[in-house]
Amino acid sequence: MVTGQPGRKFVIAGADRLAYRIHAQPIGYRVERLDGSDKPTSTLYMRAGELATHGLGKALREGCLFTPALASASASFS
């Protein structure tokens, strides 16, 4: 999984629209579940193989994992 910019937000499509922030680290990932204000409500530390068994891994496999557009990225392409 490529996380792009540090702190990139990922959203699982569905009724709940679960949001996560993923930080790549030397031994795996720090995964933060976000509330409606993008504040972490819980944090998990996972190795790359463990991420596949998490809801994020399932959403990625099923094509239901999205990243919102970044305002700074779109501004740099204008």
C-alpha atoms as a PDB file:
ATOM      1  CA  MET A   1       0.000   0.000   0.000  1.00  0.00           C
ATOM      2  CA  VAL A   2       1.335   3.415  -0.914  1.00  0.00           C
ATOM      3  CA  THR A   3       0.233   6.004   1.601  1.00  0.00           C
ATOM      4  CA  GLY A   4       1.254   9.071  -0.441  1.00  0.00           C
ATOM      5  CA  GLN A   5       1.734  12.183   1.640  1.00  0.00           C
ATOM      6  CA  PRO A   6       2.399  11.549   5.335  1.00  0.00           C
ATOM      7  CA  GLY A   7      -0.890  11.403   7.185  1.00  0.00           C
ATOM      8  CA  ARG A   8      -3.003  10.635   4.101  1.00  0.00           C
ATOM      9  CA  LYS A   9      -6.642   9.947   5.004  1.00  0.00           C
ATOM     10  CA  PHE A  10      -8.360   6.793   3.704  1.00  0.00           C
ATOM     11  CA  VAL A  11     -12.138   6.316   3.669  1.00  0.00           C
ATOM     12  CA  ILE A  12     -13.966   3.003   3.354  1.00  0.00           C
ATOM     13  CA  ALA A  13     -16.995   3.485   1.115  1.00  0.00           C
ATOM     14  CA  GLY A  14     -20.273   2.439   2.688  1.00  0.00           C
ATOM     15  CA  ALA A  15     -22.984   3.717   4.962  1.00  0.00           C
ATOM     16  CA  ASP A  16     -20.571   4.377   7.854  1.00  0.00           C
ATOM     17  CA  ARG A  17     -17.794   5.978   5.710  1.00  0.00           C
ATOM     18  CA  LEU A  18     -15.125   4.839   8.169  1.00  0.00           C
ATOM     19  CA  ALA A  19     -12.039   7.055   7.978  1.00  0.00           C
ATOM     20  CA  TYR A  20      -8.440   6.179   8.818  1.00  0.00           C
ATOM     21  CA  ARG A  21      -5.055   7.856   8.726  1.00  0.00           C
ATOM     22  CA  ILE A  22      -2.153   5.549   7.898  1.00  0.00           C
ATOM     23  CA  HIS A  23       1.484   6.243   8.697  1.00  0.00           C
ATOM     24  CA  ALA A  24       4.140   3.956   7.204  1.00  0.00           C
ATOM     25  CA  GLN A  25       6.802   3.072   9.771  1.00  0.00           C
ATOM     26  CA  PRO A  26       9.991   0.976   9.525  1.00  0.00           C
ATOM     27  CA  ILE A  27       8.293  -2.175  10.872  1.00  0.00           C
ATOM     28  CA  GLY A  28       4.769  -1.698   9.503  1.00  0.00           C
ATOM     29  CA  TYR A  29       1.958   0.813   9.827  1.00  0.00           C
ATOM     30  CA  ARG A  30       0.359   3.022  12.459  1.00  0.00           C
ATOM     31  CA  VAL A  31      -3.368   3.073  11.693  1.00  0.00           C
ATOM     32  CA  GLU A  32      -5.563   5.710  13.330  1.00  0.00           C
ATOM     33  CA  ARG A  33      -9.366   5.510  13.203  1.00  0.00           C
ATOM     34  CA  LEU A  34     -10.697   9.061  12.760  1.00  0.00           C
ATOM     35  CA  ASP A  35     -13.856  10.756  13.971  1.00  0.00           C
ATOM     36  CA  GLY A  36     -15.858  13.328  11.979  1.00  0.00           C
ATOM     37  CA  SER A  37     -13.321  16.043  12.846  1.00  0.00           C
ATOM     38  CA  ASP A  38     -10.361  13.912  11.652  1.00  0.00           C
ATOM     39  CA  LYS A  39      -9.199  13.386  15.239  1.00  0.00           C
ATOM     40  CA  PRO A  40      -7.934   9.882  16.127  1.00  0.00           C
ATOM     41  CA  THR A  41     -10.309   7.818  18.249  1.00  0.00           C
ATOM     42  CA  SER A  42      -8.065   4.729  18.343  1.00  0.00           C
ATOM     43  CA  THR A  43      -4.624   3.662  17.121  1.00  0.00           C
ATOM     44  CA  LEU A  44      -3.376   0.269  15.961  1.00  0.00           C
ATOM     45  CA  TYR A  45       0.155  -0.775  15.066  1.00  0.00           C
ATOM     46  CA  MET A  46       0.326  -3.470  12.384  1.00  0.00           C
ATOM     47  CA  ARG A  47       2.884  -5.239  10.270  1.00  0.00           C
ATOM     48  CA  ALA A  48       2.263  -5.198   6.514  1.00  0.00           C
ATOM     49  CA  GLY A  49       0.800  -8.727   6.554  1.00  0.00           C
ATOM     50  CA  GLU A  50      -1.597  -7.872   9.363  1.00  0.00           C
ATOM     51  CA  LEU A  51      -3.041  -4.943   7.438  1.00  0.00           C
ATOM     52  CA  ALA A  52      -4.487  -7.404   4.901  1.00  0.00           C
ATOM     53  CA  THR A  53      -6.722  -8.930   7.614  1.00  0.00           C
ATOM     54  CA  HIS A  54      -7.976  -5.537   8.854  1.00  0.00           C
ATOM     55  CA  GLY A  55     -11.090  -3.894   7.389  1.00  0.00           C
ATOM     56  CA  LEU A  56      -8.771  -1.614   5.393  1.00  0.00           C
ATOM     57  CA  GLY A  57      -7.236  -4.606   3.623  1.00  0.00           C
ATOM     58  CA  LYS A  58     -10.673  -6.023   2.793  1.00  0.00           C
ATOM     59  CA  ALA A  59     -11.845  -2.637   1.477  1.00  0.00           C
ATOM     60  CA  LEU A  60      -8.711  -2.336  -0.659  1.00  0.00           C
ATOM     61  CA  ARG A  61      -9.260  -5.803  -2.175  1.00  0.00           C
ATOM     62  CA  GLU A  62     -12.927  -5.045  -2.889  1.00  0.00           C
ATOM     63  CA  GLY A  63     -12.263  -1.632  -4.451  1.00  0.00           C
ATOM     64  CA  CYS A  64     -13.974   0.269  -1.626  1.00  0.00           C
ATOM     65  CA  LEU A  65     -10.986   2.217  -0.252  1.00  0.00           C
ATOM     66  CA  PHE A  66     -10.701   5.843  -1.315  1.00  0.00           C
ATOM     67  CA  THR A  67      -8.630   8.912  -0.500  1.00  0.00           C
ATOM     68  CA  PRO A  68     -10.206  12.381  -0.495  1.00  0.00           C
ATOM     69  CA  ALA A  69      -8.614  14.929  -2.826  1.00  0.00           C
ATOM     70  CA  LEU A  70      -5.963  17.082  -1.211  1.00  0.00           C
ATOM     71  CA  ALA A  71      -6.452  20.848  -1.643  1.00  0.00           C
ATOM     72  CA  SER A  72      -2.690  21.447  -1.697  1.00  0.00           C
ATOM     73  CA  ALA A  73      -2.176  18.829  -4.426  1.00  0.00           C
ATOM     74  CA  SER A  74      -4.852  20.266  -6.721  1.00  0.00           C
ATOM     75  CA  ALA A  75      -3.549  23.805  -6.190  1.00  0.00           C
ATOM     76  CA  SER A  76      -0.040  22.802  -7.284  1.00  0.00           C
ATOM     77  CA  PHE A  77      -1.366  21.480 -10.635  1.00  0.00           C
ATOM     78  CA  SER A  78      -3.282  24.639 -11.631  1.00  0.00           C
END
